[in-house]
Amino acid sequence: MKTITLSRLNRPFLLRRLLTITCTILSVLILFAACSDDDEPCPAQHPQVAVCLKSQTNSWRTALGYYATNQLESKGLSYTTYVAKDKAQQANQIRMAVESGCQILVVAPEGIAKDALDVAFSAGIPVIMFEDGVTDGYTALVQGDNAAAGKNAAEYVASKGAGHAVAFKITQDPASSDARVDAFTEELKSKSPSTQVTTQTLSLYTSADGKEAAARILADDPSVDAFYAQDDEVASGVIEAINESGRNDIKVVVGCGGSQAFFSLILSTTVTDVATTLYSPSMITKCIDLADDVLKGKTIEEKQIVMPATVVNKDNVREYQDSNSPY
């Protein structure tokens, strides 16, 4: 057998092979280090769009990812999505998105401050914000309209001839709640001055809180004939309380949001008229549309876009049903 010794090998060849192997190992280690922080997903390199979402603490927030990715795929855009558990993680995800070479950033902020976005602004990356602008410098901001939700709900309640409406204020999110209820109260007094409006305070946006409060009101005050629950979960609890109360004089219950479960209730409830006003996670599709426009070189004429709070009832609910939506 012929033995080949190291001294007889081509030294330049050996050095090249050794260098290639070393570079490969280093590349793997660098990639691992970049993607192992806090169990972060490893971002695709050079995606057209990076989407940074807030924590998925409820079905509404979870559905943001559903609607965003569906819209991205329908437009044929390459993308990476991140979901943050807190503001520190989202700041890190924004940094990772910028370092991945994304061309545009869509952010649903999780309590972040301006400095979390500065890394994108400094890199010249356009930023589309959802719900909260956080700071100036963004290319566009897409928001729902809480005041319009309350106003449109009041117009609907007035059209049903309600004599005494109860509106729920919810301390879990006082800014949104107060905007809706204040607009509801003002508009109902304008549209139907004879209608009495009473406000009740709840702690949480839950069906259980809505049911408990409504059950007490239905038992104690026979003059109440309408509810502005200002949230679909709360409204579903109100409807359950009405069904169990045996009362058939409640003229209307109005929620807000646009959940698929509540759409089903709109169609199936017979004891009272049911409606909601849209404040849907599907609004984030507008952010994706704007991102696509920017990538195509179009100028964003309107920096702040407010989405309509459309009233949904039995007449038009089927237009908004989506059996695949998590919300």
Protein backbone atom coordinates (compact mmCIF):
# COMPACT_ATOMS: atom_id res chain seq x y z
CA MET A 1 0.00 0.00 0.00
CA LYS A 2 1.30 3.41 -0.94
CA THR A 3 1.19 5.99 1.86
CA ILE A 4 0.87 9.69 1.14
CA THR A 5 2.46 11.85 3.81
CA LEU A 6 1.40 15.35 4.75
CA SER A 7 4.65 16.71 3.43
CA ARG A 8 3.82 15.47 -0.06
CA LEU A 9 0.38 17.17 -0.20
CA ASN A 10 -0.09 20.37 -2.15
CA ARG A 11 0.25 22.96 0.61
CA PRO A 12 -1.68 25.77 -1.16
CA PHE A 13 -4.55 23.35 -1.80
CA LEU A 14 -4.59 22.30 1.86
CA LEU A 15 -4.60 25.88 3.05
CA ARG A 16 -7.50 26.76 0.74
CA ARG A 17 -9.55 23.83 2.03
CA LEU A 18 -8.79 24.74 5.63
CA LEU A 19 -9.80 28.36 5.03
CA THR A 20 -13.09 27.30 3.39
CA ILE A 21 -13.99 25.02 6.30
CA THR A 22 -13.10 27.71 8.85
CA CYS A 23 -15.26 30.34 7.10
CA THR A 24 -18.19 27.95 6.91
CA ILE A 25 -17.99 27.20 10.64
CA LEU A 26 -17.74 30.91 11.49
CA SER A 27 -20.75 31.71 9.30
CA VAL A 28 -22.86 29.10 11.08
CA LEU A 29 -21.77 30.38 14.51
CA ILE A 30 -22.58 34.00 13.59
CA LEU A 31 -25.99 33.02 12.23
CA PHE A 32 -26.73 30.98 15.35
CA ALA A 33 -25.76 33.88 17.63
CA ALA A 34 -27.93 36.32 15.68
CA CYS A 35 -30.98 34.09 15.75
CA SER A 36 -30.81 32.52 19.21
CA ASP A 37 -31.52 35.65 21.27
CA ASP A 38 -34.76 35.19 23.24
CA ASP A 39 -35.90 32.43 20.90
CA GLU A 40 -36.19 34.93 18.06
CA PRO A 41 -36.97 33.51 14.63
CA CYS A 42 -34.09 33.81 12.22
CA PRO A 43 -35.17 36.50 9.73
CA ALA A 44 -35.08 35.94 6.01
CA GLN A 45 -32.28 37.94 4.45
CA HIS A 46 -33.32 40.99 2.44
CA PRO A 47 -37.13 40.58 2.73
CA GLN A 48 -39.13 43.28 1.02
CA VAL A 49 -41.32 43.75 4.10
CA ALA A 50 -40.68 43.12 7.81
CA VAL A 51 -43.81 43.08 9.99
CA CYS A 52 -43.34 43.64 13.74
CA LEU A 53 -46.48 42.77 15.71
CA LYS A 54 -47.51 43.28 19.32
CA SER A 55 -47.99 40.39 21.76
CA GLN A 56 -50.77 37.93 20.96
CA THR A 57 -52.64 38.29 24.25
CA ASN A 58 -56.08 37.91 22.65
CA SER A 59 -57.70 36.76 19.43
CA TRP A 60 -57.84 40.31 18.03
CA ARG A 61 -54.06 40.65 18.25
CA THR A 62 -53.50 37.14 16.94
CA ALA A 63 -55.58 37.97 13.88
CA LEU A 64 -53.22 40.82 12.96
CA GLY A 65 -50.71 38.22 11.78
CA TYR A 66 -53.38 36.32 9.88
CA TYR A 67 -54.56 39.35 7.91
CA ALA A 68 -51.05 40.76 7.37
CA THR A 69 -49.56 37.54 5.98
CA ASN A 70 -52.59 36.85 3.78
CA GLN A 71 -52.26 40.30 2.23
CA LEU A 72 -48.50 39.99 1.80
CA GLU A 73 -48.86 36.66 0.04
CA SER A 74 -51.69 37.90 -2.17
CA LYS A 75 -49.37 40.65 -3.39
CA GLY A 76 -46.44 38.29 -3.89
CA LEU A 77 -44.17 40.15 -1.46
CA SER A 78 -41.30 38.51 0.41
CA TYR A 79 -41.58 39.11 4.13
CA THR A 80 -40.56 38.27 7.68
CA THR A 81 -42.94 38.55 10.64
CA TYR A 82 -42.08 39.02 14.30
CA VAL A 83 -44.34 38.85 17.37
CA ALA A 84 -43.11 40.60 20.52
CA LYS A 85 -43.92 39.66 24.09
CA ASP A 86 -42.93 43.12 25.38
CA LYS A 87 -41.42 46.44 24.30
CA ALA A 88 -37.84 45.31 24.87
CA GLN A 89 -38.27 42.33 22.59
CA GLN A 90 -39.97 44.42 19.93
CA ALA A 91 -37.12 46.93 19.96
CA ASN A 92 -34.72 44.03 19.40
CA GLN A 93 -36.90 42.65 16.60
CA ILE A 94 -36.95 46.01 14.84
CA ARG A 95 -33.15 46.06 15.00
CA MET A 96 -33.00 42.52 13.59
CA ALA A 97 -35.40 43.45 10.80
CA VAL A 98 -33.23 46.41 9.81
CA GLU A 99 -30.08 44.28 9.92
CA SER A 100 -31.76 41.65 7.74
CA GLY A 101 -31.93 44.23 4.96
CA CYS A 102 -35.70 44.74 4.79
CA GLN A 103 -36.89 47.42 2.40
CA ILE A 104 -39.86 48.58 4.47
CA LEU A 105 -41.10 48.07 8.02
CA VAL A 106 -44.69 47.64 9.27
CA VAL A 107 -45.03 48.06 13.05
CA ALA A 108 -47.94 47.44 15.43
CA PRO A 109 -46.20 48.90 18.50
CA GLU A 110 -45.93 47.06 21.82
CA GLY A 111 -45.33 50.04 24.10
CA ILE A 112 -42.10 51.03 22.35
CA ALA A 113 -40.66 54.54 22.41
CA LYS A 114 -39.09 56.64 19.66
CA ASP A 115 -35.59 55.22 20.14
CA ALA A 116 -36.79 51.75 19.08
CA LEU A 117 -37.71 53.17 15.68
CA ASP A 118 -34.65 55.40 15.27
CA VAL A 119 -32.61 52.48 13.94
CA ALA A 120 -35.02 52.22 10.98
CA PHE A 121 -35.24 55.96 10.46
CA SER A 122 -31.44 56.30 10.52
CA ALA A 123 -31.14 53.54 7.91
CA GLY A 124 -33.60 55.36 5.65
CA ILE A 125 -36.14 52.52 5.84
CA PRO A 126 -39.78 53.63 5.42
CA VAL A 127 -41.98 52.73 8.40
CA ILE A 128 -45.75 52.12 8.26
CA MET A 129 -47.30 52.31 11.74
CA PHE A 130 -50.51 50.61 12.87
CA GLU A 131 -52.82 52.14 15.52
CA ASP A 132 -50.14 54.23 17.27
CA GLY A 133 -47.63 56.46 15.53
CA VAL A 134 -45.34 56.61 18.61
CA THR A 135 -43.35 59.48 17.08
CA ASP A 136 -43.00 61.57 13.94
CA GLY A 137 -40.91 60.20 11.15
CA TYR A 138 -43.16 57.42 9.95
CA THR A 139 -44.22 57.21 6.32
CA ALA A 140 -47.86 56.49 7.18
CA LEU A 141 -50.09 55.68 10.14
CA VAL A 142 -53.21 53.51 9.87
CA GLN A 143 -55.75 53.81 12.69
CA GLY A 144 -59.25 52.76 13.65
CA ASP A 145 -61.77 55.41 14.67
CA ASN A 146 -63.09 54.96 18.20
CA ALA A 147 -65.09 58.17 18.15
CA ALA A 148 -66.79 57.22 14.89
CA ALA A 149 -67.56 53.79 16.35
CA GLY A 150 -69.44 55.43 19.21
CA LYS A 151 -71.18 57.94 16.96
CA ASN A 152 -72.33 55.32 14.47
CA ALA A 153 -73.55 53.07 17.28
CA ALA A 154 -75.63 55.95 18.66
CA GLU A 155 -77.24 56.56 15.29
CA TYR A 156 -78.15 52.88 15.10
CA VAL A 157 -79.60 52.80 18.63
CA ALA A 158 -81.62 55.96 17.89
CA SER A 159 -83.03 54.35 14.73
CA LYS A 160 -84.45 51.53 16.87
CA GLY A 161 -86.45 53.91 19.05
CA ALA A 162 -84.70 53.08 22.32
CA GLY A 163 -86.00 54.86 25.42
CA HIS A 164 -83.19 54.08 27.88
CA ALA A 165 -79.73 52.96 26.76
CA VAL A 166 -76.94 51.72 28.99
CA ALA A 167 -73.37 52.31 27.79
CA PHE A 168 -70.49 50.39 29.34
CA LYS A 169 -67.20 52.13 30.09
CA ILE A 170 -64.32 49.67 30.48
CA THR A 171 -61.29 50.50 32.59
CA GLN A 172 -59.02 47.92 30.90
CA ASP A 173 -58.47 50.38 28.02
CA PRO A 174 -59.80 53.76 29.17
CA ALA A 175 -58.60 55.74 26.16
CA SER A 176 -60.50 53.66 23.60
CA SER A 177 -63.47 53.13 25.90
CA ASP A 178 -63.90 56.79 26.79
CA ALA A 179 -63.62 57.88 23.16
CA ARG A 180 -66.35 55.45 22.12
CA VAL A 181 -68.75 56.08 25.00
CA ASP A 182 -68.33 59.86 25.02
CA ALA A 183 -69.08 60.03 21.29
CA PHE A 184 -72.01 57.63 21.73
CA THR A 185 -73.54 59.72 24.51
CA GLU A 186 -73.12 63.01 22.67
CA GLU A 187 -74.54 61.68 19.39
CA LEU A 188 -77.50 59.92 21.00
CA LYS A 189 -78.49 63.08 22.84
CA SER A 190 -78.33 64.90 19.52
CA LYS A 191 -80.23 62.29 17.48
CA SER A 192 -82.76 61.32 20.15
CA PRO A 193 -82.98 63.89 22.96
CA SER A 194 -85.71 61.93 24.73
CA THR A 195 -83.57 58.81 25.09
CA GLN A 196 -82.03 58.41 28.54
CA VAL A 197 -78.37 57.37 28.63
CA THR A 198 -76.82 55.69 31.67
CA THR A 199 -73.16 54.64 31.92
CA GLN A 200 -71.87 51.65 33.86
CA THR A 201 -68.22 50.82 34.49
CA LEU A 202 -66.73 47.38 33.88
CA SER A 203 -63.19 46.17 34.55
CA LEU A 204 -62.47 43.94 31.55
CA TYR A 205 -63.38 43.38 27.92
CA THR A 206 -64.87 39.97 28.63
CA SER A 207 -68.14 38.18 28.03
CA ALA A 208 -68.33 37.33 31.74
CA ASP A 209 -68.14 40.98 32.79
CA GLY A 210 -70.78 41.95 30.24
CA LYS A 211 -73.13 39.18 31.31
CA GLU A 212 -72.82 39.93 35.02
CA ALA A 213 -73.45 43.67 34.61
CA ALA A 214 -76.32 43.21 32.15
CA ALA A 215 -78.02 40.58 34.32
CA ARG A 216 -78.04 42.97 37.25
CA ILE A 217 -79.36 45.86 35.14
CA LEU A 218 -82.07 43.76 33.51
CA ALA A 219 -83.30 42.61 36.91
CA ASP A 220 -83.19 46.03 38.57
CA ASP A 221 -84.36 48.46 35.88
CA PRO A 222 -87.29 47.57 33.61
CA SER A 223 -86.89 50.87 31.71
CA VAL A 224 -83.62 49.81 30.10
CA ASP A 225 -84.24 48.68 26.52
CA ALA A 226 -80.84 49.11 24.79
CA PHE A 227 -77.16 48.38 25.45
CA TYR A 228 -74.04 49.92 23.98
CA ALA A 229 -71.48 47.33 25.04
CA GLN A 230 -68.76 48.96 22.85
CA ASP A 231 -67.00 45.61 22.47
CA ASP A 232 -68.08 42.35 20.84
CA GLU A 233 -66.97 40.14 23.74
CA VAL A 234 -68.86 42.27 26.24
CA ALA A 235 -71.89 42.40 23.93
CA SER A 236 -71.98 38.61 23.66
CA GLY A 237 -72.28 38.47 27.47
CA VAL A 238 -75.10 41.01 27.36
CA ILE A 239 -76.99 38.90 24.83
CA GLU A 240 -76.56 35.83 27.02
CA ALA A 241 -77.96 37.75 30.00
CA ILE A 242 -80.96 38.90 27.94
CA ASN A 243 -81.68 35.32 26.86
CA GLU A 244 -81.58 34.13 30.47
CA SER A 245 -83.61 37.06 31.84
CA GLY A 246 -86.75 36.18 29.90
CA ARG A 247 -87.17 39.80 28.82
CA ASN A 248 -88.23 40.37 25.23
CA ASP A 249 -88.42 44.16 25.29
CA ILE A 250 -84.72 44.91 24.62
CA LYS A 251 -84.61 46.72 21.31
CA VAL A 252 -80.91 46.61 20.45
CA VAL A 253 -77.42 45.59 21.56
CA VAL A 254 -74.38 47.12 19.83
CA GLY A 255 -70.79 45.95 20.18
CA CYS A 256 -67.56 47.03 18.50
CA GLY A 257 -64.79 45.08 16.79
CA GLY A 258 -66.06 42.70 14.15
CA SER A 259 -65.29 39.23 15.50
CA GLN A 260 -66.43 36.18 13.55
CA ALA A 261 -68.13 34.77 16.65
CA PHE A 262 -70.14 37.96 17.03
CA PHE A 263 -71.04 37.97 13.36
CA SER A 264 -72.62 34.57 13.98
CA LEU A 265 -74.54 36.01 16.94
CA ILE A 266 -75.84 38.82 14.74
CA LEU A 267 -77.40 36.20 12.47
CA SER A 268 -78.64 33.80 15.15
CA THR A 269 -80.00 36.13 17.86
CA THR A 270 -83.77 36.55 17.81
CA VAL A 271 -84.50 38.05 21.23
CA THR A 272 -83.17 41.48 20.21
CA ASP A 273 -81.58 43.34 17.30
CA VAL A 274 -77.78 42.97 17.28
CA ALA A 275 -75.15 45.07 15.53
CA THR A 276 -71.50 46.01 15.80
CA THR A 277 -69.19 48.69 14.44
CA LEU A 278 -65.96 47.66 12.77
CA TYR A 279 -62.67 48.06 14.58
CA SER A 280 -61.19 45.01 12.95
CA PRO A 281 -57.66 43.59 12.89
CA SER A 282 -58.17 43.39 9.13
CA MET A 283 -57.32 47.11 9.12
CA ILE A 284 -53.67 46.06 9.02
CA THR A 285 -54.15 45.02 5.39
CA LYS A 286 -54.15 48.75 4.61
CA CYS A 287 -50.60 48.91 6.02
CA ILE A 288 -49.55 46.16 3.62
CA ASP A 289 -51.22 47.97 0.72
CA LEU A 290 -49.27 51.11 1.59
CA ALA A 291 -46.02 49.15 1.90
CA ASP A 292 -46.63 47.71 -1.56
CA ASP A 293 -47.24 51.20 -2.93
CA VAL A 294 -43.96 52.47 -1.46
CA LEU A 295 -42.06 49.52 -2.92
CA LYS A 296 -43.54 50.37 -6.32
CA GLY A 297 -42.28 53.94 -6.01
CA LYS A 298 -45.66 55.54 -5.39
CA THR A 299 -45.96 58.62 -3.20
CA ILE A 300 -48.10 58.30 -0.05
CA GLU A 301 -50.34 61.35 -0.29
CA GLU A 302 -52.12 60.89 3.04
CA LYS A 303 -49.84 60.33 6.03
CA GLN A 304 -52.61 59.44 8.51
CA ILE A 305 -55.32 57.05 7.34
CA VAL A 306 -58.39 56.53 9.54
CA MET A 307 -60.39 53.43 8.74
CA PRO A 308 -64.21 53.62 8.78
CA ALA A 309 -66.24 52.24 11.69
CA THR A 310 -68.89 50.63 9.50
CA VAL A 311 -72.09 49.39 11.15
CA VAL A 312 -72.59 45.64 10.61
CA ASN A 313 -76.00 44.03 11.18
CA LYS A 314 -78.10 41.28 9.66
CA ASP A 315 -78.32 43.17 6.37
CA ASN A 316 -74.60 43.16 5.56
CA VAL A 317 -72.86 40.78 7.98
CA ARG A 318 -72.22 38.07 5.37
CA GLU A 319 -69.91 40.47 3.52
CA TYR A 320 -67.50 40.35 6.47
CA GLN A 321 -67.56 36.69 7.45
CA ASP A 322 -64.29 34.74 7.18
CA SER A 323 -64.32 31.23 8.61
CA ASN A 324 -60.50 31.10 8.71
CA SER A 325 -59.99 34.23 10.79
CA PRO A 326 -58.84 33.67 14.39
CA TYR A 327 -60.91 36.69 15.46
